[in-house]
C-alpha cells in the first residue's frame, strides 16, 4: 500500500512538473532547441525583466545600415547587440535600422543605454507581408515556399535580405558582423568567402540595383530548401558567374562595371573553418585585425562561435574587438559575452 501511494505521489509530482514546464515554454514562445541555444550564449537581461517594448511598425531609411533579426525572438544576445553597436559607432551619420519580425523586444538597461547614447539606432517591427507585396517574390511568399525547406526560417531570411537591399539599398549586415571601419566609401560590393563562394553576410548596394534584382529572380526560379547556403552565398555566387562573368580565383567581374567583389580580407579575414582563431588568446592576431585598414568588418561565424565564451578580459580577438567597438555592450556583459 505504501508503494502505491509513493507511486501516486511521484506521478502527481511529475505531472505538475510537466504542466509547469509546458506553461513556461508557451509563455516565452520558444522551444527546447531555443533553450539550449540561450543557455550557451548569454542574453542581455531577458531573465530578469519580463517587460516588453512594443516596436513601431515601419520601413528602414533608404541607403542606411540594415540588420535583421528574422527568427521572431523578442530578445537579442550581447553579441547581437555588439554587432548593432559597432555598426552605429562606425556610421554615426547614418540610420542603423534593426529590423525585427517580433513585434516586441525585451526591455533592458542595455537597450536604453544604447539607444540613449547612439541616436542613429532605430528599432522597427518589419511587416513582411508589405515587404513581399508586389515584389518578384510575392508568389513565393503567398505559396509559403519556405515551409518546404529543411531550414525554413533561415531561408525565409535569405529572401528578406535580397528584398531589403533591392528595395532600400544601403549596407546589409548579419547580426554576427562586427564593423571596424566605415563601409560607406566602398562601391557596390560583396566579398569572397573562399575559393568557391562569394559571401552574403556583408553587402552594399544602391536601391534597385540590377544585381539584386537578378538575385531575386534567381531565388524565385531556383529556390532550394535542401542546401543550407543555397539561397544565400551559393545563389549570389552563381548570379555573379552568370551575369558578371565572375572569376572566383581573382574576384574579377568583367561584365559588371558597377559591382566589386572584394578580397576575403575585407569582411572574412578568418575563414569559417578557422572560426576558433577568434576565440583563442592571440594578441598578435587581435592587433593585426584591429590595425589593418583593409579589414572593414569581421564575420564572427555565430553558428560555430556561439558555444564558446568570450572572456572580455582576455586577448581573444573577439574580446579585443568587442571592447574597442561595442564598449557599452561589453560593459553590460561584464566578464563574459
C-alpha atoms as a PDB file:
ATOM      1  CA  UNK A   1       0.000   0.000   0.000  1.00  0.00           C
ATOM      2  CA  UNK A   2       2.857   2.387   0.814  1.00  0.00           C
ATOM      3  CA  UNK A   3       4.428   1.655  -2.575  1.00  0.00           C
ATOM      4  CA  UNK A   4       1.178   2.506  -4.346  1.00  0.00           C
ATOM      5  CA  UNK A   5       0.942   5.824  -2.511  1.00  0.00           C
ATOM      6  CA  UNK A   6       4.530   6.682  -3.372  1.00  0.00           C
ATOM      7  CA  UNK A   7       3.829   5.955  -7.000  1.00  0.00           C
ATOM      8  CA  UNK A   8       0.782   8.183  -6.902  1.00  0.00           C
ATOM      9  CA  UNK A   9       2.786  10.994  -5.317  1.00  0.00           C
ATOM     10  CA  UNK A  10       5.569  10.594  -7.882  1.00  0.00           C
ATOM     11  CA  UNK A  11       3.074  10.571 -10.753  1.00  0.00           C
ATOM     12  CA  UNK A  12       1.355  13.693  -9.434  1.00  0.00           C
ATOM     13  CA  UNK A  13       4.687  15.429  -8.950  1.00  0.00           C
ATOM     14  CA  UNK A  14       5.848  14.526 -12.474  1.00  0.00           C
ATOM     15  CA  UNK A  15       2.548  15.688 -13.923  1.00  0.00           C
ATOM     16  CA  UNK A  16       2.818  19.006 -12.099  1.00  0.00           C
ATOM     17  CA  UNK A  17       6.390  19.490 -13.381  1.00  0.00           C
ATOM     18  CA  UNK A  18       5.367  18.729 -16.963  1.00  0.00           C
ATOM     19  CA  UNK A  19       2.417  21.142 -16.851  1.00  0.00           C
ATOM     20  CA  UNK A  20       4.533  23.868 -15.235  1.00  0.00           C
ATOM     21  CA  UNK A  21       7.352  23.476 -17.751  1.00  0.00           C
ATOM     22  CA  UNK A  22       4.918  23.432 -20.693  1.00  0.00           C
ATOM     23  CA  UNK A  23       3.267  26.604 -19.421  1.00  0.00           C
ATOM     24  CA  UNK A  24       6.675  28.257 -19.113  1.00  0.00           C
ATOM     25  CA  UNK A  25       7.525  27.306 -22.694  1.00  0.00           C
ATOM     26  CA  UNK A  26       4.256  28.715 -24.008  1.00  0.00           C
ATOM     27  CA  UNK A  27       4.755  31.940 -22.034  1.00  0.00           C
ATOM     28  CA  UNK A  28       8.150  32.578 -23.613  1.00  0.00           C
ATOM     29  CA  UNK A  29       7.123  31.359 -27.062  1.00  0.00           C
ATOM     30  CA  UNK A  30      10.163  29.169 -27.535  1.00  0.00           C
ATOM     31  CA  UNK A  31      11.183  25.539 -27.866  1.00  0.00           C
ATOM     32  CA  UNK A  32      13.755  23.182 -26.419  1.00  0.00           C
ATOM     33  CA  UNK A  33      16.292  23.999 -29.143  1.00  0.00           C
ATOM     34  CA  UNK A  34      15.982  27.683 -28.293  1.00  0.00           C
ATOM     35  CA  UNK A  35      16.520  26.947 -24.619  1.00  0.00           C
ATOM     36  CA  UNK A  36      19.730  25.058 -25.339  1.00  0.00           C
ATOM     37  CA  UNK A  37      20.928  27.915 -27.554  1.00  0.00           C
ATOM     38  CA  UNK A  38      20.144  30.524 -24.905  1.00  0.00           C
ATOM     39  CA  UNK A  39      21.937  28.555 -22.212  1.00  0.00           C
ATOM     40  CA  UNK A  40      25.048  28.524 -24.384  1.00  0.00           C
ATOM     41  CA  UNK A  41      25.042  32.226 -25.196  1.00  0.00           C
ATOM     42  CA  UNK A  42      24.339  34.903 -22.562  1.00  0.00           C
ATOM     43  CA  UNK A  43      21.351  37.094 -23.294  1.00  0.00           C
ATOM     44  CA  UNK A  44      21.069  40.769 -22.494  1.00  0.00           C
ATOM     45  CA  UNK A  45      18.860  40.837 -19.446  1.00  0.00           C
ATOM     46  CA  UNK A  46      15.801  38.859 -20.545  1.00  0.00           C
ATOM     47  CA  UNK A  47      15.788  36.633 -17.459  1.00  0.00           C
ATOM     48  CA  UNK A  48      15.405  39.487 -15.010  1.00  0.00           C
ATOM     49  CA  UNK A  49      12.942  41.542 -16.991  1.00  0.00           C
ATOM     50  CA  UNK A  50       9.645  40.414 -18.452  1.00  0.00           C
ATOM     51  CA  UNK A  51       8.800  43.948 -19.571  1.00  0.00           C
ATOM     52  CA  UNK A  52       8.461  44.370 -23.314  1.00  0.00           C
ATOM     53  CA  UNK A  53       8.811  47.356 -25.575  1.00  0.00           C
ATOM     54  CA  UNK A  54       6.308  47.437 -28.422  1.00  0.00           C
ATOM     55  CA  UNK A  55       8.140  48.160 -31.654  1.00  0.00           C
ATOM     56  CA  UNK A  56       6.957  50.673 -34.190  1.00  0.00           C
ATOM     57  CA  UNK A  57       5.951  49.126 -37.487  1.00  0.00           C
ATOM     58  CA  UNK A  58       7.968  50.870 -40.163  1.00  0.00           C
ATOM     59  CA  UNK A  59      10.337  50.803 -43.080  1.00  0.00           C
ATOM     60  CA  UNK A  60      14.072  51.444 -42.937  1.00  0.00           C
ATOM     61  CA  UNK A  61      15.567  54.571 -44.417  1.00  0.00           C
ATOM     62  CA  UNK A  62      16.975  54.238 -47.913  1.00  0.00           C
ATOM     63  CA  UNK A  63      20.714  53.608 -48.155  1.00  0.00           C
ATOM     64  CA  UNK A  64      21.215  53.206 -44.422  1.00  0.00           C
ATOM     65  CA  UNK A  65      22.540  50.273 -42.415  1.00  0.00           C
ATOM     66  CA  UNK A  66      20.296  47.195 -42.270  1.00  0.00           C
ATOM     67  CA  UNK A  67      20.398  44.450 -39.637  1.00  0.00           C
ATOM     68  CA  UNK A  68      17.779  41.722 -39.372  1.00  0.00           C
ATOM     69  CA  UNK A  69      16.522  39.550 -36.521  1.00  0.00           C
ATOM     70  CA  UNK A  70      14.200  37.387 -38.561  1.00  0.00           C
ATOM     71  CA  UNK A  71      13.585  34.456 -36.220  1.00  0.00           C
ATOM     72  CA  UNK A  72      10.821  36.122 -34.231  1.00  0.00           C
ATOM     73  CA  UNK A  73      12.816  36.251 -30.986  1.00  0.00           C
ATOM     74  CA  UNK A  74      11.875  39.152 -28.667  1.00  0.00           C
ATOM     75  CA  UNK A  75      15.430  39.436 -27.333  1.00  0.00           C
ATOM     76  CA  UNK A  76      18.974  39.843 -28.566  1.00  0.00           C
ATOM     77  CA  UNK A  77      22.116  38.321 -27.126  1.00  0.00           C
ATOM     78  CA  UNK A  78      25.020  40.501 -26.043  1.00  0.00           C
ATOM     79  CA  UNK A  79      26.869  39.505 -29.200  1.00  0.00           C
ATOM     80  CA  UNK A  80      23.983  40.657 -31.379  1.00  0.00           C
ATOM     81  CA  UNK A  81      23.797  43.982 -29.556  1.00  0.00           C
ATOM     82  CA  UNK A  82      27.551  44.248 -30.006  1.00  0.00           C
ATOM     83  CA  UNK A  83      27.080  43.987 -33.781  1.00  0.00           C
ATOM     84  CA  UNK A  84      24.412  46.709 -33.718  1.00  0.00           C
ATOM     85  CA  UNK A  85      26.550  48.995 -31.566  1.00  0.00           C
ATOM     86  CA  UNK A  86      29.640  48.543 -33.755  1.00  0.00           C
ATOM     87  CA  UNK A  87      27.621  49.412 -36.873  1.00  0.00           C
ATOM     88  CA  UNK A  88      26.179  52.524 -35.228  1.00  0.00           C
ATOM     89  CA  UNK A  89      29.583  53.733 -33.993  1.00  0.00           C
ATOM     90  CA  UNK A  90      31.184  53.253 -37.400  1.00  0.00           C
ATOM     91  CA  UNK A  91      28.391  55.201 -39.134  1.00  0.00           C
ATOM     92  CA  UNK A  92      27.310  57.997 -36.760  1.00  0.00           C
ATOM     93  CA  UNK A  93      25.601  59.998 -39.509  1.00  0.00           C
ATOM     94  CA  UNK A  94      23.628  57.104 -40.998  1.00  0.00           C
ATOM     95  CA  UNK A  95      20.425  55.487 -39.705  1.00  0.00           C
ATOM     96  CA  UNK A  96      21.118  51.996 -38.387  1.00  0.00           C
ATOM     97  CA  UNK A  97      17.889  50.003 -38.635  1.00  0.00           C
ATOM     98  CA  UNK A  98      17.483  46.859 -36.559  1.00  0.00           C
ATOM     99  CA  UNK A  99      14.531  45.143 -38.211  1.00  0.00           C
ATOM    100  CA  UNK A 100      12.723  42.516 -36.168  1.00  0.00           C
ATOM    101  CA  UNK A 101       9.969  40.096 -37.123  1.00  0.00           C
ATOM    102  CA  UNK A 102       8.973  40.036 -33.453  1.00  0.00           C
ATOM    103  CA  UNK A 103       6.504  42.862 -32.670  1.00  0.00           C
ATOM    104  CA  UNK A 104       8.158  43.425 -29.281  1.00  0.00           C
ATOM    105  CA  UNK A 105      11.620  43.462 -27.766  1.00  0.00           C
ATOM    106  CA  UNK A 106      12.541  42.626 -24.191  1.00  0.00           C
ATOM    107  CA  UNK A 107      13.210  45.722 -22.133  1.00  0.00           C
ATOM    108  CA  UNK A 108      16.634  46.087 -20.513  1.00  0.00           C
ATOM    109  CA  UNK A 109      19.045  48.716 -19.273  1.00  0.00           C
ATOM    110  CA  UNK A 110      21.344  47.864 -22.192  1.00  0.00           C
ATOM    111  CA  UNK A 111      18.586  48.672 -24.681  1.00  0.00           C
ATOM    112  CA  UNK A 112      18.058  52.075 -23.066  1.00  0.00           C
ATOM    113  CA  UNK A 113      21.767  52.854 -22.798  1.00  0.00           C
ATOM    114  CA  UNK A 114      22.447  52.033 -26.431  1.00  0.00           C
ATOM    115  CA  UNK A 115      19.521  53.965 -27.866  1.00  0.00           C
ATOM    116  CA  UNK A 116      20.220  56.820 -25.458  1.00  0.00           C
ATOM    117  CA  UNK A 117      23.883  57.195 -26.398  1.00  0.00           C
ATOM    118  CA  UNK A 118      23.664  56.242 -30.087  1.00  0.00           C
ATOM    119  CA  UNK A 119      20.771  58.200 -31.551  1.00  0.00           C
ATOM    120  CA  UNK A 120      21.142  56.629 -35.008  1.00  0.00           C
ATOM    121  CA  UNK A 121      19.909  53.214 -33.804  1.00  0.00           C
ATOM    122  CA  UNK A 122      16.304  52.600 -34.867  1.00  0.00           C
ATOM    123  CA  UNK A 123      14.341  49.512 -33.822  1.00  0.00           C
ATOM    124  CA  UNK A 124      11.482  48.584 -36.119  1.00  0.00           C
ATOM    125  CA  UNK A 125       8.986  45.770 -36.493  1.00  0.00           C
ATOM    126  CA  UNK A 126       9.240  44.580 -40.092  1.00  0.00           C
ATOM    127  CA  UNK A 127       5.938  43.988 -41.870  1.00  0.00           C
ATOM    128  CA  UNK A 128       6.998  41.110 -44.095  1.00  0.00           C
ATOM    129  CA  UNK A 129       3.648  40.974 -45.891  1.00  0.00           C
ATOM    130  CA  UNK A 130       4.180  44.553 -47.005  1.00  0.00           C
ATOM    131  CA  UNK A 131       7.793  43.841 -47.938  1.00  0.00           C
ATOM    132  CA  UNK A 132       6.876  40.945 -50.255  1.00  0.00           C
ATOM    133  CA  UNK A 133       3.777  42.648 -51.702  1.00  0.00           C
ATOM    134  CA  UNK A 134       4.244  43.307 -55.432  1.00  0.00           C
ATOM    135  CA  UNK A 135       7.848  42.084 -55.357  1.00  0.00           C
ATOM    136  CA  UNK A 136       9.447  39.393 -57.539  1.00  0.00           C
ATOM    137  CA  UNK A 137       8.975  37.037 -54.569  1.00  0.00           C
ATOM    138  CA  UNK A 138       5.302  37.786 -53.975  1.00  0.00           C
ATOM    139  CA  UNK A 139       4.117  34.435 -55.348  1.00  0.00           C
ATOM    140  CA  UNK A 140       6.834  32.576 -53.436  1.00  0.00           C
ATOM    141  CA  UNK A 141       5.620  34.290 -50.259  1.00  0.00           C
ATOM    142  CA  UNK A 142       1.942  33.623 -50.938  1.00  0.00           C
ATOM    143  CA  UNK A 143       2.668  29.935 -51.512  1.00  0.00           C
ATOM    144  CA  UNK A 144       4.691  29.734 -48.265  1.00  0.00           C
ATOM    145  CA  UNK A 145       7.510  28.030 -50.129  1.00  0.00           C
ATOM    146  CA  UNK A 146       9.937  28.350 -47.221  1.00  0.00           C
ATOM    147  CA  UNK A 147       7.911  25.728 -45.356  1.00  0.00           C
ATOM    148  CA  UNK A 148       9.317  23.151 -47.785  1.00  0.00           C
ATOM    149  CA  UNK A 149      12.850  23.924 -46.592  1.00  0.00           C
ATOM    150  CA  UNK A 150      14.976  21.943 -44.150  1.00  0.00           C
ATOM    151  CA  UNK A 151      15.814  25.341 -42.580  1.00  0.00           C
ATOM    152  CA  UNK A 152      12.614  27.353 -43.135  1.00  0.00           C
ATOM    153  CA  UNK A 153      13.428  30.482 -41.107  1.00  0.00           C
ATOM    154  CA  UNK A 154      16.994  30.695 -42.347  1.00  0.00           C
ATOM    155  CA  UNK A 155      15.869  30.520 -45.968  1.00  0.00           C
ATOM    156  CA  UNK A 156      12.989  32.909 -45.322  1.00  0.00           C
ATOM    157  CA  UNK A 157      15.551  35.392 -44.026  1.00  0.00           C
ATOM    158  CA  UNK A 158      17.597  34.932 -47.200  1.00  0.00           C
ATOM    159  CA  UNK A 159      14.585  36.124 -49.163  1.00  0.00           C
ATOM    160  CA  UNK A 160      14.136  39.098 -46.838  1.00  0.00           C
ATOM    161  CA  UNK A 161      17.814  40.062 -47.211  1.00  0.00           C
ATOM    162  CA  UNK A 162      17.622  40.284 -51.020  1.00  0.00           C
ATOM    163  CA  UNK A 163      14.357  42.197 -50.864  1.00  0.00           C
ATOM    164  CA  UNK A 164      15.647  44.722 -48.331  1.00  0.00           C
ATOM    165  CA  UNK A 165      18.728  45.506 -50.401  1.00  0.00           C
ATOM    166  CA  UNK A 166      16.794  45.695 -53.674  1.00  0.00           C
ATOM    167  CA  UNK A 167      14.067  47.931 -52.243  1.00  0.00           C
ATOM    168  CA  UNK A 168      16.015  50.208 -49.881  1.00  0.00           C
ATOM    169  CA  UNK A 169      19.684  49.757 -50.717  1.00  0.00           C
ATOM    170  CA  UNK A 170      22.455  50.506 -48.270  1.00  0.00           C
ATOM    171  CA  UNK A 171      24.613  48.145 -46.245  1.00  0.00           C
ATOM    172  CA  UNK A 172      23.237  44.814 -45.092  1.00  0.00           C
ATOM    173  CA  UNK A 173      24.961  43.147 -42.114  1.00  0.00           C
ATOM    174  CA  UNK A 174      24.373  39.801 -40.465  1.00  0.00           C
ATOM    175  CA  UNK A 175      23.894  40.060 -36.701  1.00  0.00           C
ATOM    176  CA  UNK A 176      27.249  38.390 -36.082  1.00  0.00           C
ATOM    177  CA  UNK A 177      29.260  41.002 -38.003  1.00  0.00           C
ATOM    178  CA  UNK A 178      31.483  43.429 -36.123  1.00  0.00           C
ATOM    179  CA  UNK A 179      32.130  46.650 -38.021  1.00  0.00           C
ATOM    180  CA  UNK A 180      35.623  48.110 -37.587  1.00  0.00           C
ATOM    181  CA  UNK A 181      35.615  50.868 -40.209  1.00  0.00           C
ATOM    182  CA  UNK A 182      33.008  52.839 -42.174  1.00  0.00           C
ATOM    183  CA  UNK A 183      31.613  50.959 -45.156  1.00  0.00           C
ATOM    184  CA  UNK A 184      30.059  53.966 -46.854  1.00  0.00           C
ATOM    185  CA  UNK A 185      33.046  54.754 -49.065  1.00  0.00           C
ATOM    186  CA  UNK A 186      33.034  51.289 -50.589  1.00  0.00           C
ATOM    187  CA  UNK A 187      31.443  50.785 -54.014  1.00  0.00           C
ATOM    188  CA  UNK A 188      28.563  48.406 -54.658  1.00  0.00           C
ATOM    189  CA  UNK A 189      30.186  45.285 -53.301  1.00  0.00           C
ATOM    190  CA  UNK A 190      30.321  41.888 -51.741  1.00  0.00           C
ATOM    191  CA  UNK A 191      33.431  39.885 -50.856  1.00  0.00           C
ATOM    192  CA  UNK A 192      34.935  36.481 -51.426  1.00  0.00           C
ATOM    193  CA  UNK A 193      34.435  33.995 -48.624  1.00  0.00           C
ATOM    194  CA  UNK A 194      36.644  31.287 -50.096  1.00  0.00           C
ATOM    195  CA  UNK A 195      37.900  29.999 -53.424  1.00  0.00           C
ATOM    196  CA  UNK A 196      34.464  28.527 -54.052  1.00  0.00           C
ATOM    197  CA  UNK A 197      31.991  31.169 -52.920  1.00  0.00           C
ATOM    198  CA  UNK A 198      31.208  34.829 -52.572  1.00  0.00           C
ATOM    199  CA  UNK A 199      29.616  35.520 -49.178  1.00  0.00           C
ATOM    200  CA  UNK A 200      26.403  37.343 -48.302  1.00  0.00           C
ATOM    201  CA  UNK A 201      26.970  38.383 -44.683  1.00  0.00           C
ATOM    202  CA  UNK A 202      28.065  41.908 -45.633  1.00  0.00           C
ATOM    203  CA  UNK A 203      26.614  43.534 -48.752  1.00  0.00           C
ATOM    204  CA  UNK A 204      26.488  47.114 -50.021  1.00  0.00           C
ATOM    205  CA  UNK A 205      24.299  48.121 -52.963  1.00  0.00           C
ATOM    206  CA  UNK A 206      22.270  51.063 -54.164  1.00  0.00           C
ATOM    207  CA  UNK A 207      18.455  50.723 -54.297  1.00  0.00           C
ATOM    208  CA  UNK A 208      17.015  48.814 -57.256  1.00  0.00           C
ATOM    209  CA  UNK A 209      20.440  47.568 -58.286  1.00  0.00           C
ATOM    210  CA  UNK A 210      20.185  45.128 -61.227  1.00  0.00           C
ATOM    211  CA  UNK A 211      22.326  42.542 -59.465  1.00  0.00           C
ATOM    212  CA  UNK A 212      19.894  42.443 -56.538  1.00  0.00           C
ATOM    213  CA  UNK A 213      17.006  42.081 -58.988  1.00  0.00           C
ATOM    214  CA  UNK A 214      18.872  39.220 -60.635  1.00  0.00           C
ATOM    215  CA  UNK A 215      19.271  37.573 -57.215  1.00  0.00           C
ATOM    216  CA  UNK A 216      15.525  37.887 -56.596  1.00  0.00           C
ATOM    217  CA  UNK A 217      14.681  36.397 -59.987  1.00  0.00           C
ATOM    218  CA  UNK A 218      17.099  33.516 -59.439  1.00  0.00           C
ATOM    219  CA  UNK A 219      15.648  32.939 -55.963  1.00  0.00           C
ATOM    220  CA  UNK A 220      12.097  32.795 -57.332  1.00  0.00           C
ATOM    221  CA  UNK A 221      13.036  30.348 -60.098  1.00  0.00           C
ATOM    222  CA  UNK A 222      15.555  28.146 -58.283  1.00  0.00           C
ATOM    223  CA  UNK A 223      14.644  28.150 -54.588  1.00  0.00           C
ATOM    224  CA  UNK A 224      16.403  25.225 -52.923  1.00  0.00           C
ATOM    225  CA  UNK A 225      15.366  24.220 -49.429  1.00  0.00           C
ATOM    226  CA  UNK A 226      17.793  21.301 -49.202  1.00  0.00           C
ATOM    227  CA  UNK A 227      21.086  23.233 -49.086  1.00  0.00           C
ATOM    228  CA  UNK A 228      21.981  25.455 -46.103  1.00  0.00           C
ATOM    229  CA  UNK A 229      23.661  28.200 -48.153  1.00  0.00           C
ATOM    230  CA  UNK A 230      21.780  27.524 -51.365  1.00  0.00           C
ATOM    231  CA  UNK A 231      19.755  30.752 -51.262  1.00  0.00           C
ATOM    232  CA  UNK A 232      22.490  32.971 -49.836  1.00  0.00           C
ATOM    233  CA  UNK A 233      26.177  32.691 -50.786  1.00  0.00           C
ATOM    234  CA  UNK A 234      25.677  29.949 -53.372  1.00  0.00           C
ATOM    235  CA  UNK A 235      22.888  31.920 -55.045  1.00  0.00           C
ATOM    236  CA  UNK A 236      24.944  35.115 -55.114  1.00  0.00           C
ATOM    237  CA  UNK A 237      27.990  33.286 -56.456  1.00  0.00           C
ATOM    238  CA  UNK A 238      26.001  31.720 -59.275  1.00  0.00           C
ATOM    239  CA  UNK A 239      24.332  35.008 -60.232  1.00  0.00           C
ATOM    240  CA  UNK A 240      27.719  36.736 -60.331  1.00  0.00           C
ATOM    241  CA  UNK A 241      29.090  33.960 -62.554  1.00  0.00           C
ATOM    242  CA  UNK A 242      26.088  34.052 -64.910  1.00  0.00           C
ATOM    243  CA  UNK A 243      25.586  37.810 -65.058  1.00  0.00           C
ATOM    244  CA  UNK A 244      29.029  39.256 -64.418  1.00  0.00           C
ATOM    245  CA  UNK A 245      31.458  36.573 -65.560  1.00  0.00           C
ATOM    246  CA  UNK A 246      32.856  36.208 -62.037  1.00  0.00           C
ATOM    247  CA  UNK A 247      36.320  34.692 -61.891  1.00  0.00           C
ATOM    248  CA  UNK A 248      36.462  33.158 -58.429  1.00  0.00           C
ATOM    249  CA  UNK A 249      40.232  32.936 -58.310  1.00  0.00           C
ATOM    250  CA  UNK A 250      40.615  36.722 -58.576  1.00  0.00           C
ATOM    251  CA  UNK A 251      37.170  38.168 -57.846  1.00  0.00           C
ATOM    252  CA  UNK A 252      37.132  39.914 -61.233  1.00  0.00           C
ATOM    253  CA  UNK A 253      33.666  40.637 -62.673  1.00  0.00           C
ATOM    254  CA  UNK A 254      34.424  41.794 -66.243  1.00  0.00           C
ATOM    255  CA  UNK A 255      30.801  42.159 -67.343  1.00  0.00           C
ATOM    256  CA  UNK A 256      29.613  44.221 -64.340  1.00  0.00           C
ATOM    257  CA  UNK A 257      31.403  47.568 -64.015  1.00  0.00           C
ATOM    258  CA  UNK A 258      29.042  48.619 -61.199  1.00  0.00           C
ATOM    259  CA  UNK A 259      29.871  45.642 -58.947  1.00  0.00           C
ATOM    260  CA  UNK A 260      33.051  44.946 -56.966  1.00  0.00           C
ATOM    261  CA  UNK A 261      33.983  41.641 -55.374  1.00  0.00           C
ATOM    262  CA  UNK A 262      36.407  42.457 -52.593  1.00  0.00           C
ATOM    263  CA  UNK A 263      39.069  40.042 -51.308  1.00  0.00           C
ATOM    264  CA  UNK A 264      38.110  37.954 -48.279  1.00  0.00           C
ATOM    265  CA  UNK A 265      40.367  40.137 -46.118  1.00  0.00           C
ATOM    266  CA  UNK A 266      37.741  42.907 -46.249  1.00  0.00           C
ATOM    267  CA  UNK A 267      34.979  41.091 -44.330  1.00  0.00           C
ATOM    268  CA  UNK A 268      36.102  37.489 -43.806  1.00  0.00           C
ATOM    269  CA  UNK A 269      39.793  37.537 -42.823  1.00  0.00           C
ATOM    270  CA  UNK A 270      39.188  34.404 -40.735  1.00  0.00           C
ATOM    271  CA  UNK A 271      37.518  31.633 -42.740  1.00  0.00           C
ATOM    272  CA  UNK A 272      34.556  29.807 -41.230  1.00  0.00           C
ATOM    273  CA  UNK A 273      36.529  26.588 -40.847  1.00  0.00           C
ATOM    274  CA  UNK A 274      39.101  28.519 -38.762  1.00  0.00           C
ATOM    275  CA  UNK A 275      36.483  30.156 -36.510  1.00  0.00           C
ATOM    276  CA  UNK A 276      38.298  29.040 -33.325  1.00  0.00           C
ATOM    277  CA  UNK A 277      41.002  31.630 -34.026  1.00  0.00           C
ATOM    278  CA  UNK A 278      38.590  34.379 -32.953  1.00  0.00           C
ATOM    279  CA  UNK A 279      38.360  32.744 -29.514  1.00  0.00           C
ATOM    280  CA  UNK A 280      41.960  31.804 -28.811  1.00  0.00           C
ATOM    281  CA  UNK A 281      44.215  34.041 -26.723  1.00  0.00           C
ATOM    282  CA  UNK A 282      46.193  35.672 -29.531  1.00  0.00           C
ATOM    283  CA  UNK A 283      47.184  39.313 -29.017  1.00  0.00           C
ATOM    284  CA  UNK A 284      49.124  39.400 -32.275  1.00  0.00           C
ATOM    285  CA  UNK A 285      46.107  38.317 -34.317  1.00  0.00           C
ATOM    286  CA  UNK A 286      43.893  40.793 -32.470  1.00  0.00           C
ATOM    287  CA  UNK A 287      46.327  43.636 -33.227  1.00  0.00           C
ATOM    288  CA  UNK A 288      46.538  42.567 -36.866  1.00  0.00           C
ATOM    289  CA  UNK A 289      42.759  42.622 -37.336  1.00  0.00           C
ATOM    290  CA  UNK A 290      42.217  45.864 -35.449  1.00  0.00           C
ATOM    291  CA  UNK A 291      45.036  47.802 -37.107  1.00  0.00           C
ATOM    292  CA  UNK A 292      44.782  46.689 -40.749  1.00  0.00           C
ATOM    293  CA  UNK A 293      42.918  49.355 -42.792  1.00  0.00           C
ATOM    294  CA  UNK A 294      41.993  46.675 -45.337  1.00  0.00           C
ATOM    295  CA  UNK A 295      39.840  44.913 -42.745  1.00  0.00           C
ATOM    296  CA  UNK A 296      36.469  46.665 -42.672  1.00  0.00           C
ATOM    297  CA  UNK A 297      34.379  44.130 -40.768  1.00  0.00           C
ATOM    298  CA  UNK A 298      34.628  40.729 -39.149  1.00  0.00           C
ATOM    299  CA  UNK A 299      32.099  37.989 -39.695  1.00  0.00           C
ATOM    300  CA  UNK A 300      32.207  36.068 -36.407  1.00  0.00           C
ATOM    301  CA  UNK A 301      30.538  32.851 -37.657  1.00  0.00           C
ATOM    302  CA  UNK A 302      27.978  32.722 -34.848  1.00  0.00           C
ATOM    303  CA  UNK A 303      26.757  29.287 -35.941  1.00  0.00           C
ATOM    304  CA  UNK A 304      30.063  27.939 -34.635  1.00  0.00           C
ATOM    305  CA  UNK A 305      31.379  30.515 -32.157  1.00  0.00           C
ATOM    306  CA  UNK A 306      28.223  30.971 -30.073  1.00  0.00           C
ATOM    307  CA  UNK A 307      29.023  27.924 -27.926  1.00  0.00           C
ATOM    308  CA  UNK A 308      32.413  29.276 -26.820  1.00  0.00           C
ATOM    309  CA  UNK A 309      32.578  32.007 -24.124  1.00  0.00           C
ATOM    310  CA  UNK A 310      34.144  35.367 -24.928  1.00  0.00           C
ATOM    311  CA  UNK A 311      36.158  36.416 -21.880  1.00  0.00           C
ATOM    312  CA  UNK A 312      36.297  40.191 -22.115  1.00  0.00           C
ATOM    313  CA  UNK A 313      39.490  40.482 -20.037  1.00  0.00           C
ATOM    314  CA  UNK A 314      41.385  38.140 -22.373  1.00  0.00           C
ATOM    315  CA  UNK A 315      43.414  38.563 -25.541  1.00  0.00           C
ATOM    316  CA  UNK A 316      40.826  36.704 -27.615  1.00  0.00           C
ATOM    317  CA  UNK A 317      40.406  38.689 -30.863  1.00  0.00           C
ATOM    318  CA  UNK A 318      36.624  38.585 -30.328  1.00  0.00           C
ATOM    319  CA  UNK A 319      37.071  40.128 -26.857  1.00  0.00           C
ATOM    320  CA  UNK A 320      39.523  42.775 -28.037  1.00  0.00           C
ATOM    321  CA  UNK A 321      37.231  43.822 -30.875  1.00  0.00           C
ATOM    322  CA  UNK A 322      34.198  43.943 -28.557  1.00  0.00           C
ATOM    323  CA  UNK A 323      35.963  46.161 -26.022  1.00  0.00           C
ATOM    324  CA  UNK A 324      37.080  48.518 -28.780  1.00  0.00           C
ATOM    325  CA  UNK A 325      33.945  48.691 -30.928  1.00  0.00           C
ATOM    326  CA  UNK A 326      30.984  47.928 -28.649  1.00  0.00           C
ATOM    327  CA  UNK A 327      32.105  49.272 -25.249  1.00  0.00           C
ATOM    328  CA  UNK A 328      28.582  49.880 -23.915  1.00  0.00           C
ATOM    329  CA  UNK A 329      27.538  46.293 -24.620  1.00  0.00           C
ATOM    330  CA  UNK A 330      30.811  44.958 -23.219  1.00  0.00           C
ATOM    331  CA  UNK A 331      30.314  46.942 -20.008  1.00  0.00           C
ATOM    332  CA  UNK A 332      26.843  45.464 -19.549  1.00  0.00           C
ATOM    333  CA  UNK A 333      28.058  41.958 -20.303  1.00  0.00           C
ATOM    334  CA  UNK A 334      30.637  42.057 -17.514  1.00  0.00           C
ATOM    335  CA  UNK A 335      33.255  39.328 -17.781  1.00  0.00           C
ATOM    336  CA  UNK A 336      31.604  37.079 -20.357  1.00  0.00           C
ATOM    337  CA  UNK A 337      29.817  37.904 -23.575  1.00  0.00           C
END
